Amino acid sequence: MVYDSYRNSQNPIVTLDIAGYGTMKIELFPDVAPNTVRNFVHLVQSGYYDGVGFHRIIENFMVQGGAGAPLSCRIAGEFSSNGADNPLQHTRGVISMARTMDPNSATGQFFIVHQNSPHLDGQYAAFGGLLEGFNFLDMIATTETGSQDRPLEDIIITRARVDTKGVNYPEPDCYQS
């Protein structure tokens, strides 16, 4: 995997159980995007992603999920065009934060890159990489979609959990405009 150099035995591991598919395991890289990792860990620990689905799927690009209840904490985008040093490239299996055109608008939505997408490098906050479940990524990415790239059948994260390896991750710093 291209992101092997960011792996560390102390990095948190997120497990996503996906109904009808199986389990995906994602290693988060706090050295790459520390506030983004804190945000994701906090949301997983709070149960935010439990019962939330993948709502936007574009084969050979990415699968996007995490559109749960509205969140009030927006985080600053940790990527180069927003002034942050984040060298992690958007290669197959990388997890990154979704956002609006505002570079400091990320909340809970994320995407997992299905196929290398270098045009996203420096524009979105990549913060981890898939360890297990590439077969499920492929299955989800090839799901039939309709209007606005929504899957015709719901793809639900039944449970998200995180192993922080004993590290206490504080809540993220919210962006103050």
Protein backbone atom coordinates (compact mmCIF):
# COMPACT_ATOMS: atom_id res chain seq x y z
CA MET A 1 0.00 0.00 0.00
CA VAL A 2 1.30 3.43 -0.88
CA TYR A 3 0.53 4.68 2.63
CA ASP A 4 2.59 2.02 4.45
CA SER A 5 5.16 4.65 5.45
CA TYR A 6 2.50 6.35 7.64
CA ARG A 7 1.60 3.16 9.49
CA ASN A 8 2.56 2.89 13.15
CA SER A 9 1.65 0.30 15.80
CA GLN A 10 0.35 3.11 18.02
CA ASN A 11 -2.07 4.56 15.43
CA PRO A 12 -5.79 4.13 16.14
CA ILE A 13 -7.70 1.48 14.20
CA VAL A 14 -11.34 2.07 13.23
CA THR A 15 -13.59 -0.88 12.43
CA LEU A 16 -16.72 -0.33 10.33
CA ASP A 17 -19.28 -3.15 10.28
CA ILE A 18 -21.32 -2.76 7.10
CA ALA A 19 -24.67 -4.57 6.86
CA GLY A 20 -24.73 -7.20 4.14
CA TYR A 21 -21.05 -6.67 3.28
CA GLY A 22 -18.66 -7.24 6.16
CA THR A 23 -15.99 -5.36 8.05
CA MET A 24 -13.58 -2.65 6.96
CA LYS A 25 -10.58 -1.76 9.11
CA ILE A 26 -8.96 1.64 8.73
CA GLU A 27 -5.75 2.87 10.32
CA LEU A 28 -5.81 6.57 11.15
CA PHE A 29 -2.67 8.69 10.82
CA PRO A 30 -2.57 11.33 13.60
CA ASP A 31 0.90 12.46 12.49
CA VAL A 32 -0.58 13.46 9.10
CA ALA A 33 -3.82 15.20 10.13
CA PRO A 34 -4.06 15.37 13.94
CA ASN A 35 -7.25 17.41 14.32
CA THR A 36 -9.02 15.43 11.62
CA VAL A 37 -8.10 12.19 13.40
CA ARG A 38 -9.32 13.60 16.73
CA ASN A 39 -12.60 14.57 15.05
CA PHE A 40 -13.10 11.12 13.52
CA VAL A 41 -12.17 9.29 16.75
CA HIS A 42 -14.56 11.51 18.73
CA LEU A 43 -17.42 10.83 16.30
CA VAL A 44 -16.79 7.07 16.31
CA GLN A 45 -16.62 7.00 20.12
CA SER A 46 -19.88 8.96 20.37
CA GLY A 47 -21.71 6.45 18.13
CA TYR A 48 -22.28 9.06 15.42
CA TYR A 49 -21.64 6.64 12.54
CA ASP A 50 -23.75 3.77 13.90
CA GLY A 51 -26.72 3.36 11.56
CA VAL A 52 -25.41 5.89 9.03
CA GLY A 53 -24.91 4.89 5.41
CA PHE A 54 -22.78 5.38 2.37
CA HIS A 55 -24.89 7.88 0.46
CA ARG A 56 -22.72 8.81 -2.55
CA ILE A 57 -20.93 6.25 -4.68
CA ILE A 58 -18.91 6.85 -7.81
CA GLU A 59 -17.21 3.75 -9.21
CA ASN A 60 -13.48 4.14 -9.87
CA PHE A 61 -13.46 7.28 -7.71
CA MET A 62 -14.78 7.00 -4.14
CA VAL A 63 -17.52 5.93 -1.72
CA GLN A 64 -18.81 8.63 0.65
CA GLY A 65 -20.56 8.17 3.98
CA GLY A 66 -21.13 9.79 7.32
CA ALA A 67 -24.10 12.04 6.60
CA GLY A 68 -25.69 11.63 10.01
CA ALA A 69 -27.34 14.23 12.21
CA PRO A 70 -26.10 17.79 11.57
CA LEU A 71 -22.95 18.66 13.47
CA SER A 72 -22.00 22.09 14.80
CA CYS A 73 -18.23 21.52 14.96
CA ARG A 74 -16.59 22.34 11.63
CA ILE A 75 -12.89 21.61 11.43
CA ALA A 76 -10.18 23.41 9.49
CA GLY A 77 -9.08 21.46 6.47
CA GLU A 78 -5.67 19.90 6.99
CA PHE A 79 -4.40 19.97 3.40
CA SER A 80 -1.76 21.96 1.53
CA SER A 81 -4.03 24.38 -0.35
CA ASN A 82 -5.37 25.37 3.08
CA GLY A 83 -1.90 25.91 4.57
CA ALA A 84 -1.42 22.52 6.26
CA ASP A 85 1.39 20.07 5.59
CA ASN A 86 -0.40 16.87 4.58
CA PRO A 87 1.63 14.73 2.15
CA LEU A 88 -0.77 11.75 2.17
CA GLN A 89 -1.92 11.14 -1.39
CA HIS A 90 -5.43 10.08 -2.39
CA THR A 91 -4.55 6.57 -3.47
CA ARG A 92 -6.79 3.50 -3.39
CA GLY A 93 -7.97 2.88 0.18
CA VAL A 94 -7.18 6.30 1.64
CA ILE A 95 -9.86 7.86 3.84
CA SER A 96 -10.38 11.60 3.58
CA MET A 97 -12.83 14.21 4.83
CA ALA A 98 -15.62 15.43 2.58
CA ARG A 99 -16.47 19.13 2.64
CA THR A 100 -18.23 21.89 0.77
CA MET A 101 -16.36 24.47 -1.30
CA ASP A 102 -15.38 26.09 2.02
CA PRO A 103 -12.02 24.50 2.96
CA ASN A 104 -12.95 24.70 6.66
CA SER A 105 -16.36 23.02 6.45
CA ALA A 106 -15.61 19.36 7.23
CA THR A 107 -17.80 17.85 9.94
CA GLY A 108 -18.58 14.12 9.81
CA GLN A 109 -18.76 13.09 6.18
CA PHE A 110 -15.83 11.12 4.85
CA PHE A 111 -14.92 9.20 1.73
CA ILE A 112 -12.76 6.20 0.93
CA VAL A 113 -10.88 6.40 -2.35
CA HIS A 114 -11.79 3.53 -4.70
CA GLN A 115 -9.12 4.24 -7.32
CA ASN A 116 -6.18 6.63 -7.23
CA SER A 117 -7.42 10.22 -7.44
CA PRO A 118 -4.39 12.54 -7.56
CA HIS A 119 -6.57 15.54 -8.41
CA LEU A 120 -7.70 15.50 -4.74
CA ASP A 121 -4.16 15.72 -3.35
CA GLY A 122 -3.68 18.95 -1.46
CA GLN A 123 -7.40 19.78 -1.70
CA TYR A 124 -8.92 17.41 0.89
CA ALA A 125 -7.75 16.19 4.29
CA ALA A 126 -6.56 12.62 3.86
CA PHE A 127 -6.09 11.05 7.30
CA GLY A 128 -5.88 7.26 7.13
CA GLY A 129 -5.87 4.14 5.03
CA LEU A 130 -7.82 0.94 4.61
CA LEU A 131 -6.12 -2.13 6.08
CA GLU A 132 -8.83 -4.74 5.50
CA GLY A 133 -12.00 -4.83 3.45
CA PHE A 134 -10.79 -3.87 -0.01
CA ASN A 135 -13.20 -6.48 -1.37
CA PHE A 136 -16.08 -4.66 0.37
CA LEU A 137 -14.84 -1.32 -0.94
CA ASP A 138 -15.00 -2.79 -4.45
CA MET A 139 -18.46 -4.25 -3.85
CA ILE A 140 -19.80 -0.94 -2.54
CA ALA A 141 -18.14 1.07 -5.32
CA THR A 142 -19.81 -1.07 -7.98
CA THR A 143 -23.28 -0.86 -6.43
CA GLU A 144 -25.98 0.39 -8.76
CA THR A 145 -26.73 4.06 -8.17
CA GLY A 146 -29.39 6.52 -9.20
CA SER A 147 -29.86 10.26 -8.90
CA GLN A 148 -26.99 12.18 -7.26
CA ASP A 149 -24.90 8.99 -7.14
CA ARG A 150 -27.07 7.54 -4.37
CA PRO A 151 -27.10 3.75 -4.08
CA LEU A 152 -30.45 2.22 -5.03
CA GLU A 153 -30.29 0.07 -1.89
CA ASP A 154 -29.13 1.38 1.49
CA ILE A 155 -25.57 0.54 2.51
CA ILE A 156 -25.48 1.01 6.29
CA ILE A 157 -22.65 1.14 8.81
CA THR A 158 -24.26 -0.87 11.60
CA ARG A 159 -21.45 -0.22 14.03
CA ALA A 160 -18.26 1.82 14.11
CA ARG A 161 -15.68 1.36 16.83
CA VAL A 162 -12.13 2.50 17.45
CA ASP A 163 -9.12 1.01 19.21
CA THR A 164 -7.06 3.99 20.31
CA LYS A 165 -4.24 1.75 21.62
CA GLY A 166 -4.66 3.42 25.02
CA VAL A 167 -4.16 6.96 23.70
CA ASN A 168 -6.69 9.53 24.89
CA TYR A 169 -7.65 11.67 21.91
CA PRO A 170 -9.20 14.99 23.00
CA GLU A 171 -12.16 16.46 21.16
CA PRO A 172 -11.22 18.29 17.96
CA ASP A 173 -10.62 21.99 17.72
CA CYS A 174 -13.64 23.52 16.00
CA TYR A 175 -13.03 26.12 13.34
CA GLN A 176 -13.87 29.65 14.38
CA SER A 177 -14.56 31.87 11.37
